[in-house]
Amino acid sequence: MSERKVLNKYYPPDFDPSKIPKLKLPKDRQYVVRLMAPFNMRCKTCGEYIYKGKKFNARKETVQNELYMGLPIFRFYIKCTRCLAEITFKTDPENTDYAMEHGATRNFQAEKLIEEEEKRIQQEREEEELNNPMKVLENRTKDSKMEMEVLENLQELKELNQRQAQVDFEGMIDRYRELERREREREKEEDERETKEMLDRALVKRLRDSDSDSDSEKKEEEESSNSQSNKSSTDKPTDVLTTDKPTEARGTSATGVKRAKVESWEKSVGVLGGGGALGSLVVRKKPAATVTKPSPVATAAAPTLKTVSKASTADSKSASQPVTSQNGSSSLSLLGAYSDSDSNDSE
């Protein structure tokens, strides 16, 4: 199975590279390449600015009869983006840069021009000194004289500054103390402000806590009142028979005093010894009394006492309500009959 990406080609045994025809291309032929402007330039025709980094489809060619240490120099042709005027520049391997040729001017190259001028002057001087030793001596004396003048001017400037400079040490110390005092005051104000803010936050927190406590107390009171009402409503109907609630206790409970706690066994059974609902049903056992034999006189007098008590009760009833007989006689006749019977019994 063959490879998917074939890097080598098959050459047959009878392959002769000299038989391959060679292309006869001109040496100054041009190629279309994609490049970016190597520097800022301005078109001479329309004045359009072309900034560094703008992309162009340029034509590239090799410059004839120009080499730098065996390196070829290339020329590029671009067109202005506004007026389509042709602009050309070429490579400068000597300075590792590009050189402007035609159609535009390079911007921001003042420093470069100064450097080139200094290099030219230095080169001319070296050429003069190479063949003329008297010129070398003149240049040295001129350089030493210029250096001495520069040192003298510098010393004069220093002396002038020392005469004009009046250092007030007391003023400097006062200013330093003033700065320290202001710094301390600022720190003190910041501390006071922070403490005030902390106290305000604590006060707000306390007020919130007190409000929450009062709200909780109100809620507890409402819950207790609701529980009491629910308790009274949920009591069994039969609890009325088993509980003893005197009028005094009821009155005090109505006024807001706490009621006496009723035990659970008292609720279910009730108080046996009181005057409650079940008090009349329970009879307490009385202690056994000594029995004495009554005399005959006392036994004879007993029925009379009973009749007297009955008569007295009847008199009280007749006094409160008039009684009429079937025969239409008044209550006075009955009272007279009772009095006669009492007199006979006494006799």
Protein backbone atom coordinates (compact mmCIF):
# COMPACT_ATOMS: atom_id res chain seq x y z
CA MET A 1 0.00 0.00 0.00
CA SER A 2 1.43 3.37 -1.01
CA GLU A 3 1.84 6.34 1.32
CA ARG A 4 -0.77 9.01 1.52
CA LYS A 5 1.74 11.87 1.47
CA VAL A 6 4.53 11.06 -1.00
CA LEU A 7 7.63 13.17 -0.45
CA ASN A 8 9.98 11.34 -2.82
CA LYS A 9 9.47 10.75 -6.47
CA TYR A 10 10.43 7.70 -8.49
CA TYR A 11 13.36 8.08 -10.84
CA PRO A 12 13.76 5.28 -13.38
CA PRO A 13 17.19 3.70 -13.97
CA ASP A 14 17.56 5.33 -17.39
CA PHE A 15 16.83 8.88 -16.01
CA ASP A 16 19.11 11.57 -17.51
CA PRO A 17 18.65 15.08 -16.01
CA SER A 18 20.58 16.69 -18.88
CA LYS A 19 17.79 15.82 -21.24
CA ILE A 20 15.29 17.96 -19.28
CA PRO A 21 14.74 21.27 -21.14
CA LYS A 22 15.66 24.38 -19.14
CA LEU A 23 13.45 27.43 -18.91
CA LYS A 24 15.03 30.54 -20.34
CA LEU A 25 13.72 33.25 -18.01
CA PRO A 26 15.00 36.84 -18.01
CA LYS A 27 17.17 37.88 -15.11
CA ASP A 28 15.10 41.00 -14.40
CA ARG A 29 11.77 39.19 -14.31
CA GLN A 30 9.23 40.28 -11.69
CA TYR A 31 7.25 38.28 -9.12
CA VAL A 32 4.03 39.27 -7.38
CA VAL A 33 4.45 39.06 -3.60
CA ARG A 34 2.38 40.09 -0.60
CA LEU A 35 4.18 42.49 1.74
CA MET A 36 3.66 45.24 4.30
CA ALA A 37 4.96 48.80 4.10
CA PRO A 38 8.31 48.80 5.96
CA PHE A 39 8.06 52.44 7.14
CA ASN A 40 5.73 55.45 7.19
CA MET A 41 5.66 57.34 3.89
CA ARG A 42 3.73 60.07 2.12
CA CYS A 43 2.78 60.01 -1.51
CA LYS A 44 4.30 62.86 -3.56
CA THR A 45 1.39 62.95 -6.01
CA CYS A 46 -1.66 63.24 -3.72
CA GLY A 47 -0.13 63.63 -0.27
CA GLU A 48 -1.77 60.48 1.11
CA TYR A 49 -0.12 59.03 4.21
CA ILE A 50 0.78 55.36 4.04
CA TYR A 51 1.50 53.95 7.47
CA LYS A 52 3.90 51.21 8.43
CA GLY A 53 2.34 47.75 8.31
CA LYS A 54 -0.19 48.42 5.51
CA LYS A 55 -0.42 45.41 3.19
CA PHE A 56 0.14 45.59 -0.57
CA ASN A 57 0.33 43.21 -3.52
CA ALA A 58 3.77 44.30 -4.72
CA ARG A 59 5.95 43.39 -7.69
CA LYS A 60 9.43 42.18 -6.75
CA GLU A 61 12.54 42.22 -8.96
CA THR A 62 16.29 41.82 -8.51
CA VAL A 63 18.37 44.98 -8.98
CA GLN A 64 20.93 44.50 -11.73
CA ASN A 65 24.62 45.23 -11.15
CA GLU A 66 24.13 45.96 -7.41
CA LEU A 67 25.48 43.66 -4.71
CA TYR A 68 26.48 44.13 -1.10
CA MET A 69 29.11 41.63 -0.04
CA GLY A 70 27.64 39.14 -2.50
CA LEU A 71 24.06 39.72 -1.36
CA PRO A 72 21.51 40.71 -4.03
CA ILE A 73 19.40 43.79 -3.61
CA PHE A 74 15.64 43.62 -4.35
CA ARG A 75 13.32 46.36 -5.56
CA PHE A 76 9.56 46.53 -4.77
CA TYR A 77 6.82 48.34 -6.69
CA ILE A 78 3.58 49.32 -4.88
CA LYS A 79 0.69 51.68 -5.75
CA CYS A 80 -0.74 54.52 -3.69
CA THR A 81 -4.06 53.62 -2.07
CA ARG A 82 -5.62 56.93 -3.17
CA CYS A 83 -4.22 57.97 -6.56
CA LEU A 84 -2.66 54.65 -7.66
CA ALA A 85 0.68 56.33 -8.30
CA GLU A 86 3.65 53.98 -8.40
CA ILE A 87 6.01 53.96 -5.41
CA THR A 88 9.31 52.07 -5.37
CA PHE A 89 11.75 51.19 -2.57
CA LYS A 90 14.59 48.65 -2.27
CA THR A 91 16.41 46.71 0.40
CA ASP A 92 19.43 48.16 2.23
CA PRO A 93 21.42 45.25 3.72
CA GLU A 94 24.26 47.57 4.75
CA ASN A 95 22.02 49.31 7.34
CA THR A 96 19.56 46.39 7.72
CA ASP A 97 16.78 48.66 6.49
CA TYR A 98 14.89 49.77 3.35
CA ALA A 99 15.74 52.73 1.18
CA MET A 100 13.11 54.95 -0.45
CA GLU A 101 13.59 55.35 -4.22
CA HIS A 102 10.71 56.98 -6.05
CA GLY A 103 7.10 58.22 -5.64
CA ALA A 104 7.04 59.03 -1.92
CA THR A 105 9.01 60.53 0.94
CA ARG A 106 9.86 58.73 4.16
CA ASN A 107 8.56 60.24 7.42
CA PHE A 108 10.15 60.37 10.88
CA GLN A 109 13.76 59.92 9.73
CA ALA A 110 15.34 63.04 11.29
CA GLU A 111 17.32 60.97 13.77
CA LYS A 112 18.52 58.74 11.02
CA LEU A 113 19.71 61.73 8.99
CA ILE A 114 21.62 63.11 11.97
CA GLU A 115 23.34 59.80 12.51
CA GLU A 116 24.29 59.64 8.84
CA GLU A 117 25.73 63.17 8.96
CA GLU A 118 27.81 62.35 12.04
CA LYS A 119 29.14 59.25 10.38
CA ARG A 120 30.09 61.23 7.26
CA ILE A 121 31.97 63.87 9.26
CA GLN A 122 33.82 61.24 11.26
CA GLN A 123 34.81 59.43 8.07
CA GLU A 124 36.14 62.61 6.43
CA ARG A 125 38.22 63.41 9.52
CA GLU A 126 39.76 59.97 9.58
CA GLU A 127 40.69 60.27 5.90
CA GLU A 128 42.39 63.63 6.52
CA GLU A 129 44.36 62.37 9.52
CA LEU A 130 45.47 59.30 7.64
CA ASN A 131 47.72 61.24 5.24
CA ASN A 132 48.47 64.44 7.22
CA PRO A 133 50.16 64.11 10.68
CA MET A 134 49.98 67.89 11.29
CA LYS A 135 46.21 67.66 10.91
CA VAL A 136 46.17 65.03 13.64
CA LEU A 137 48.03 67.39 16.02
CA GLU A 138 45.69 70.27 15.22
CA ASN A 139 42.64 68.14 15.85
CA ARG A 140 44.04 66.96 19.20
CA THR A 141 44.81 70.50 20.40
CA LYS A 142 41.36 71.63 19.27
CA ASP A 143 39.68 68.77 21.18
CA SER A 144 41.65 69.48 24.40
CA LYS A 145 40.86 73.20 24.19
CA MET A 146 37.15 72.46 23.69
CA GLU A 147 37.18 70.05 26.63
CA MET A 148 38.80 72.68 28.91
CA GLU A 149 36.19 75.26 27.88
CA VAL A 150 33.41 72.83 28.66
CA LEU A 151 34.87 72.13 32.13
CA GLU A 152 35.28 75.85 32.86
CA ASN A 153 31.68 76.55 31.86
CA LEU A 154 30.47 73.73 34.06
CA GLN A 155 32.45 75.05 37.05
CA GLU A 156 31.04 78.56 36.54
CA LEU A 157 27.52 77.19 36.51
CA LYS A 158 28.14 75.32 39.75
CA GLU A 159 29.50 78.42 41.49
CA LEU A 160 26.58 80.49 40.26
CA ASN A 161 24.11 77.98 41.62
CA GLN A 162 25.90 77.92 44.99
CA ARG A 163 25.78 81.73 45.28
CA GLN A 164 22.11 81.91 44.40
CA ALA A 165 21.11 78.93 46.48
CA GLN A 166 20.14 80.06 50.01
CA VAL A 167 19.26 77.02 52.05
CA ASP A 168 17.02 77.81 55.04
CA PHE A 169 17.51 74.91 57.38
CA GLU A 170 15.08 76.30 59.99
CA GLY A 171 12.41 76.67 57.34
CA MET A 172 13.00 73.11 56.17
CA ILE A 173 12.65 71.80 59.74
CA ASP A 174 9.49 73.87 60.28
CA ARG A 175 7.97 72.55 57.08
CA TYR A 176 8.83 69.00 58.09
CA ARG A 177 7.24 69.51 61.52
CA GLU A 178 4.16 71.03 59.91
CA LEU A 179 3.83 68.00 57.65
CA GLU A 180 4.17 65.67 60.63
CA ARG A 181 1.52 67.62 62.57
CA ARG A 182 -0.90 67.49 59.65
CA GLU A 183 -0.29 63.77 59.28
CA ARG A 184 -1.01 63.16 62.97
CA GLU A 185 -4.20 65.24 62.79
CA ARG A 186 -5.35 63.35 59.73
CA GLU A 187 -4.71 60.01 61.42
CA LYS A 188 -6.55 61.19 64.55
CA GLU A 189 -9.55 62.32 62.50
CA GLU A 190 -9.62 58.99 60.70
CA ASP A 191 -9.51 57.10 64.02
CA GLU A 192 -12.34 59.22 65.44
CA ARG A 193 -14.41 58.70 62.32
CA GLU A 194 -13.87 54.94 62.43
CA THR A 195 -14.79 54.74 66.13
CA LYS A 196 -17.91 56.83 65.51
CA GLU A 197 -18.95 54.54 62.68
CA MET A 198 -18.39 51.48 64.88
CA LEU A 199 -20.48 52.99 67.70
CA ASP A 200 -23.26 53.89 65.27
CA ARG A 201 -23.29 50.36 63.93
CA ALA A 202 -23.38 48.94 67.48
CA LEU A 203 -26.25 51.30 68.41
CA VAL A 204 -28.24 50.31 65.36
CA LYS A 205 -27.62 46.67 66.17
CA ARG A 206 -28.80 47.15 69.76
CA LEU A 207 -31.92 48.97 68.60
CA ARG A 208 -32.65 46.16 66.21
CA ASP A 209 -32.08 43.59 68.98
CA SER A 210 -34.42 45.48 71.36
CA ASP A 211 -37.05 45.73 68.63
CA SER A 212 -36.73 42.03 67.97
CA ASP A 213 -36.96 41.30 71.73
CA SER A 214 -40.12 43.41 72.08
CA ASP A 215 -41.57 41.73 69.02
CA SER A 216 -40.72 38.31 70.45
CA GLU A 217 -42.34 39.25 73.80
CA LYS A 218 -45.48 40.40 72.00
CA LYS A 219 -45.51 37.20 70.01
CA GLU A 220 -45.07 35.15 73.20
CA GLU A 221 -47.96 37.01 74.88
CA GLU A 222 -50.16 36.47 71.86
CA GLU A 223 -49.19 32.80 71.73
CA SER A 224 -49.93 32.36 75.45
CA SER A 225 -53.33 34.05 75.11
CA ASN A 226 -54.09 31.93 72.08
CA SER A 227 -52.99 28.79 73.90
CA GLN A 228 -55.20 29.66 76.88
CA SER A 229 -58.17 30.29 74.63
CA ASN A 230 -57.46 27.08 72.75
CA LYS A 231 -57.10 25.23 76.04
CA SER A 232 -60.39 26.56 77.35
CA SER A 233 -62.05 25.68 74.08
CA THR A 234 -60.54 22.19 74.01
CA ASP A 235 -61.58 21.29 77.56
CA LYS A 236 -63.93 18.35 77.75
CA PRO A 237 -67.57 19.03 78.55
CA THR A 238 -67.39 16.60 81.49
CA ASP A 239 -64.64 18.68 83.14
CA VAL A 240 -67.37 20.95 84.54
CA LEU A 241 -68.60 18.09 86.73
CA THR A 242 -65.16 17.21 87.99
CA THR A 243 -63.65 20.66 88.64
CA ASP A 244 -64.33 22.87 91.63
CA LYS A 245 -64.30 26.55 90.71
CA PRO A 246 -65.38 28.77 93.61
CA THR A 247 -66.67 32.23 92.94
CA GLU A 248 -63.68 33.87 94.59
CA ALA A 249 -61.24 32.07 92.29
CA ARG A 250 -63.32 33.01 89.27
CA GLY A 251 -63.35 36.61 90.28
CA THR A 252 -59.61 36.71 90.75
CA SER A 253 -58.99 35.04 87.40
CA ALA A 254 -61.15 37.62 85.70
CA THR A 255 -59.07 40.41 87.21
CA GLY A 256 -55.89 38.94 85.77
CA VAL A 257 -54.50 36.96 88.73
CA LYS A 258 -53.16 33.52 87.93
CA ARG A 259 -55.53 30.66 88.62
CA ALA A 260 -54.57 27.86 90.96
CA LYS A 261 -53.10 24.91 89.13
CA VAL A 262 -55.54 22.01 88.89
CA GLU A 263 -54.00 18.59 89.02
CA SER A 264 -54.82 16.04 86.36
CA TRP A 265 -56.30 13.58 88.84
CA GLU A 266 -58.56 16.36 90.20
CA LYS A 267 -59.79 17.02 86.66
CA SER A 268 -60.70 13.40 86.06
CA VAL A 269 -62.07 12.51 89.54
CA GLY A 270 -62.88 15.83 91.15
CA VAL A 271 -62.52 17.12 94.68
CA LEU A 272 -64.28 14.78 97.09
CA GLY A 273 -64.31 16.97 100.15
CA GLY A 274 -65.69 20.19 98.71
CA GLY A 275 -69.12 21.41 97.80
CA GLY A 276 -68.69 20.53 94.16
CA ALA A 277 -70.92 18.58 91.87
CA LEU A 278 -69.83 15.19 93.24
CA GLY A 279 -69.58 16.34 96.85
CA SER A 280 -73.23 15.58 97.52
CA LEU A 281 -72.88 12.06 96.14
CA VAL A 282 -70.09 11.01 98.50
CA VAL A 283 -70.89 10.52 102.17
CA ARG A 284 -68.09 10.46 104.61
CA LYS A 285 -67.97 7.78 107.22
CA LYS A 286 -68.78 9.17 110.66
CA PRO A 287 -67.02 7.86 113.76
CA ALA A 288 -69.03 5.40 115.82
CA ALA A 289 -70.70 7.10 118.82
CA THR A 290 -71.42 5.51 122.23
CA VAL A 291 -75.05 4.34 122.43
CA THR A 292 -76.87 4.96 125.74
CA LYS A 293 -80.19 3.42 126.62
CA PRO A 294 -82.83 6.13 126.73
CA SER A 295 -85.03 6.51 129.75
CA PRO A 296 -88.81 6.01 129.48
CA VAL A 297 -89.42 9.70 130.18
CA ALA A 298 -87.21 10.77 127.28
CA THR A 299 -88.90 8.31 124.93
CA ALA A 300 -92.29 9.67 125.86
CA ALA A 301 -91.18 13.21 125.31
CA ALA A 302 -89.65 12.50 121.91
CA PRO A 303 -92.92 12.26 119.94
CA THR A 304 -94.11 15.48 121.47
CA LEU A 305 -90.93 17.22 120.37
CA LYS A 306 -91.40 15.93 116.85
CA THR A 307 -95.00 17.15 116.72
CA VAL A 308 -93.96 20.56 118.05
CA SER A 309 -91.26 20.88 115.34
CA LYS A 310 -93.72 19.90 112.64
CA ALA A 311 -96.23 22.45 113.90
CA SER A 312 -93.64 25.19 113.90
CA THR A 313 -92.67 24.43 110.31
CA ALA A 314 -96.30 24.39 109.28
CA ASP A 315 -96.87 27.76 110.94
CA SER A 316 -93.99 29.26 109.01
CA LYS A 317 -95.34 27.90 105.72
CA SER A 318 -98.88 29.10 106.44
CA ALA A 319 -97.57 32.53 107.27
CA SER A 320 -95.80 32.77 103.94
CA GLN A 321 -98.68 31.31 101.83
CA PRO A 322 -102.43 31.15 102.61
CA VAL A 323 -103.89 27.63 102.48
CA THR A 324 -107.56 26.92 101.68
CA SER A 325 -109.32 23.62 102.36
CA GLN A 326 -111.76 21.80 100.11
CA ASN A 327 -114.72 22.91 102.26
CA GLY A 328 -113.75 26.56 101.76
CA SER A 329 -112.63 27.20 105.36
CA SER A 330 -109.89 29.67 105.87
CA SER A 331 -106.35 29.04 107.17
CA LEU A 332 -107.32 30.46 110.55
CA SER A 333 -109.41 27.40 111.40
CA LEU A 334 -106.47 25.18 110.66
CA LEU A 335 -104.21 27.22 112.89
CA GLY A 336 -106.75 26.91 115.68
CA ALA A 337 -106.95 23.16 115.29
CA TYR A 338 -103.14 22.91 115.46
CA SER A 339 -103.05 24.97 118.60
CA ASP A 340 -105.70 22.76 120.26
CA SER A 341 -103.81 19.61 119.42
CA ASP A 342 -100.60 21.11 120.83
CA SER A 343 -102.32 21.96 124.11
CA ASN A 344 -103.70 18.42 124.43
CA ASP A 345 -100.28 16.94 123.79
CA SER A 346 -98.75 19.13 126.44
CA GLU A 347 -101.29 18.07 128.98
